[in-house]
Amino acid sequence: MLIVLCEVAFWVLLAAGLALRYLAKKPRLGAAVLLCEPLLEVVLLVVTAIDLKNGAQPDLKHGLAAVYIGFTVGLGHSTIRWVDARVAHRFAGGPPPVRPPKYGMARAVHEWKVAARWTVAAVTALALLQAAVWYVGGDGDVSTLQAWQQKMLFVIGINVVIAGGYTLFPKREPAGR
């Protein structure tokens, strides 16, 4: 339940921060609200550790908490930047958001940057999941946490395959351009 609340709170804080920044014309207050985002991760991490310490069997919610924290570490900043650019353009007369390149090696470089962010997210989740496995020790069933670790390795693999595909087989610009 707390994981869902933290996810909802992420988007609520993001919307509130951007609304304060662009609609209420209070950029400092908006930035302060956006800086509260990492506190959610600390709360989630502490509550998850306390839950495990109190004898809870590791399950889906504990694995999901690690994945959520990993997502925030690896992709949180770029997600906020992405949304910020679109809100600034739509509501504050900002420039149109920069689109990723479509063709050639520029696209491959973009895909490797995306893969790197996802890899940071997955490695963070892997580390947290492994810490939870060690924390629980041999007394508990950690198969759920280990299943999440396998999923994180899959995430890394998929992103490397996609980036590698754009590198080995770069999309060419249409002839008429």
Protein backbone atom coordinates (compact mmCIF):
# COMPACT_ATOMS: atom_id res chain seq x y z
CA MET A 1 0.00 0.00 0.00
CA LEU A 2 2.80 2.40 0.89
CA ILE A 3 4.45 1.77 -2.46
CA VAL A 4 1.27 2.83 -4.27
CA LEU A 5 1.03 5.89 -2.01
CA CYS A 6 4.63 6.83 -2.79
CA GLU A 7 4.00 6.43 -6.52
CA VAL A 8 0.88 8.60 -6.32
CA ALA A 9 2.74 11.11 -4.14
CA PHE A 10 5.52 11.30 -6.77
CA TRP A 11 3.05 12.44 -9.41
CA VAL A 12 1.15 14.69 -7.01
CA LEU A 13 4.37 16.43 -5.97
CA LEU A 14 5.43 16.69 -9.60
CA ALA A 15 2.10 18.26 -10.60
CA ALA A 16 2.09 20.57 -7.57
CA GLY A 17 5.67 21.67 -8.15
CA LEU A 18 5.06 22.42 -11.81
CA ALA A 19 1.75 24.15 -11.10
CA LEU A 20 3.46 26.38 -8.55
CA ARG A 21 6.31 27.02 -10.94
CA TYR A 22 4.32 27.90 -14.04
CA LEU A 23 0.69 28.58 -13.15
CA ALA A 24 1.16 30.34 -9.80
CA LYS A 25 4.40 32.00 -11.02
CA LYS A 26 6.28 30.86 -7.89
CA PRO A 27 9.35 29.13 -9.32
CA ARG A 28 11.24 28.90 -6.03
CA LEU A 29 8.33 27.33 -4.19
CA GLY A 30 7.79 24.97 -7.12
CA ALA A 31 11.45 23.95 -7.02
CA ALA A 32 11.20 23.36 -3.27
CA VAL A 33 8.22 21.06 -3.78
CA LEU A 34 10.08 19.19 -6.52
CA LEU A 35 13.04 18.74 -4.18
CA CYS A 36 10.74 16.82 -1.81
CA GLU A 37 10.63 13.96 -4.33
CA PRO A 38 13.75 12.21 -2.96
CA LEU A 39 12.25 12.25 0.54
CA LEU A 40 9.59 9.85 -0.72
CA GLU A 41 12.29 7.33 -1.55
CA VAL A 42 13.85 7.64 1.88
CA VAL A 43 10.46 7.09 3.52
CA LEU A 44 9.79 4.08 1.29
CA LEU A 45 13.21 2.57 1.99
CA VAL A 46 12.91 3.02 5.76
CA VAL A 47 9.38 1.63 5.94
CA THR A 48 10.32 -1.37 3.80
CA ALA A 49 13.35 -2.10 6.01
CA ILE A 50 11.23 -1.79 9.17
CA ASP A 51 8.63 -4.13 7.69
CA LEU A 52 11.29 -6.74 6.96
CA LYS A 53 12.91 -6.22 10.37
CA ASN A 54 9.56 -6.86 12.05
CA GLY A 55 9.46 -10.30 10.47
CA ALA A 56 7.41 -9.74 7.32
CA GLN A 57 8.08 -12.33 4.65
CA PRO A 58 9.63 -10.71 1.56
CA ASP A 59 7.00 -10.50 -1.15
CA LEU A 60 5.89 -8.53 -4.17
CA LYS A 61 5.63 -5.20 -2.32
CA HIS A 62 9.21 -5.39 -1.02
CA GLY A 63 10.56 -6.13 -4.47
CA LEU A 64 8.43 -3.43 -6.01
CA ALA A 65 9.71 -0.93 -3.45
CA ALA A 66 13.29 -1.63 -4.54
CA VAL A 67 12.33 -1.32 -8.21
CA TYR A 68 10.47 1.94 -7.55
CA ILE A 69 13.47 3.42 -5.75
CA GLY A 70 15.73 2.25 -8.58
CA PHE A 71 13.42 3.89 -11.13
CA THR A 72 13.57 7.15 -9.23
CA VAL A 73 17.36 7.06 -8.95
CA GLY A 74 17.92 6.17 -12.61
CA LEU A 75 15.02 7.90 -14.32
CA GLY A 76 13.44 10.33 -11.85
CA HIS A 77 15.46 13.37 -12.90
CA SER A 78 14.97 12.77 -16.62
CA THR A 79 11.24 12.16 -16.06
CA ILE A 80 10.87 15.44 -14.19
CA ARG A 81 12.91 17.26 -16.86
CA TRP A 82 10.76 15.71 -19.61
CA VAL A 83 7.49 16.74 -17.95
CA ASP A 84 8.87 20.17 -17.04
CA ALA A 85 9.77 20.95 -20.67
CA ARG A 86 6.27 20.05 -21.83
CA VAL A 87 4.51 22.01 -19.09
CA ALA A 88 6.76 25.04 -19.71
CA HIS A 89 5.89 24.90 -23.40
CA ARG A 90 2.17 24.36 -22.90
CA PHE A 91 1.47 26.75 -20.04
CA ALA A 92 4.35 29.23 -19.84
CA GLY A 93 5.23 29.99 -23.45
CA GLY A 94 8.47 28.04 -23.28
CA PRO A 95 10.18 26.64 -26.35
CA PRO A 96 8.91 23.39 -27.81
CA PRO A 97 10.50 20.35 -26.17
CA VAL A 98 13.55 18.98 -27.92
CA ARG A 99 12.74 15.75 -29.67
CA PRO A 100 15.25 12.91 -29.80
CA PRO A 101 17.06 12.41 -33.08
CA LYS A 102 15.35 10.01 -35.47
CA TYR A 103 18.18 8.79 -37.64
CA GLY A 104 21.76 7.59 -37.77
CA MET A 105 24.33 7.50 -35.04
CA ALA A 106 22.72 10.44 -33.25
CA ARG A 107 19.75 8.16 -32.59
CA ALA A 108 22.08 5.38 -31.47
CA VAL A 109 23.78 7.73 -28.99
CA HIS A 110 20.36 8.77 -27.67
CA GLU A 111 19.37 5.12 -27.21
CA TRP A 112 22.62 4.36 -25.34
CA LYS A 113 21.88 7.27 -22.98
CA VAL A 114 18.39 5.88 -22.37
CA ALA A 115 19.88 2.42 -21.82
CA ALA A 116 22.37 3.89 -19.33
CA ARG A 117 19.57 5.50 -17.31
CA TRP A 118 17.60 2.24 -17.25
CA THR A 119 20.76 0.37 -16.30
CA VAL A 120 21.36 2.71 -13.36
CA ALA A 121 17.75 2.13 -12.30
CA ALA A 122 18.05 -1.64 -12.59
CA VAL A 123 21.45 -1.83 -10.86
CA THR A 124 20.12 0.31 -8.00
CA ALA A 125 17.15 -2.03 -7.67
CA LEU A 126 19.45 -5.07 -7.86
CA ALA A 127 21.61 -3.69 -5.06
CA LEU A 128 18.60 -2.94 -2.86
CA LEU A 129 17.12 -6.35 -3.56
CA GLN A 130 20.42 -8.03 -2.68
CA ALA A 131 20.64 -5.99 0.52
CA ALA A 132 17.14 -7.20 1.38
CA VAL A 133 18.14 -10.82 0.68
CA TRP A 134 21.12 -10.46 3.04
CA TYR A 135 18.97 -8.60 5.58
CA VAL A 136 16.39 -11.37 5.68
CA GLY A 137 19.12 -14.00 5.81
CA GLY A 138 18.67 -17.72 5.47
CA ASP A 139 15.59 -17.81 7.69
CA GLY A 140 13.14 -16.34 5.20
CA ASP A 141 11.94 -17.15 1.72
CA VAL A 142 13.68 -14.68 -0.58
CA SER A 143 12.54 -16.22 -3.87
CA THR A 144 10.29 -13.23 -4.64
CA LEU A 145 13.22 -10.84 -4.23
CA GLN A 146 15.39 -13.04 -6.42
CA ALA A 147 12.67 -13.10 -9.09
CA TRP A 148 12.74 -9.30 -9.10
CA GLN A 149 16.52 -9.44 -9.54
CA GLN A 150 16.04 -11.58 -12.64
CA LYS A 151 13.54 -9.06 -13.99
CA MET A 152 16.05 -6.26 -13.48
CA LEU A 153 18.68 -8.20 -15.43
CA PHE A 154 16.10 -8.60 -18.19
CA VAL A 155 15.50 -4.81 -18.18
CA ILE A 156 19.22 -4.21 -18.64
CA GLY A 157 19.40 -6.80 -21.41
CA ILE A 158 16.44 -5.39 -23.34
CA ASN A 159 17.83 -1.86 -23.21
CA VAL A 160 21.28 -2.99 -24.35
CA VAL A 161 19.73 -4.97 -27.22
CA ILE A 162 17.68 -1.93 -28.32
CA ALA A 163 20.66 0.43 -28.15
CA GLY A 164 22.86 -2.14 -29.86
CA GLY A 165 20.29 -2.51 -32.62
CA TYR A 166 20.33 1.21 -33.32
CA THR A 167 24.15 1.09 -33.34
CA LEU A 168 24.51 -1.92 -35.64
CA PHE A 169 21.54 -1.09 -37.84
CA PRO A 170 21.14 2.69 -37.73
CA LYS A 171 17.86 3.97 -39.11
CA ARG A 172 18.52 5.91 -42.29
CA GLU A 173 16.88 9.18 -43.19
CA PRO A 174 14.35 8.84 -46.02
CA ALA A 175 15.77 9.65 -49.45
CA GLY A 176 13.47 12.62 -50.13
CA ARG A 177 14.70 14.75 -47.22
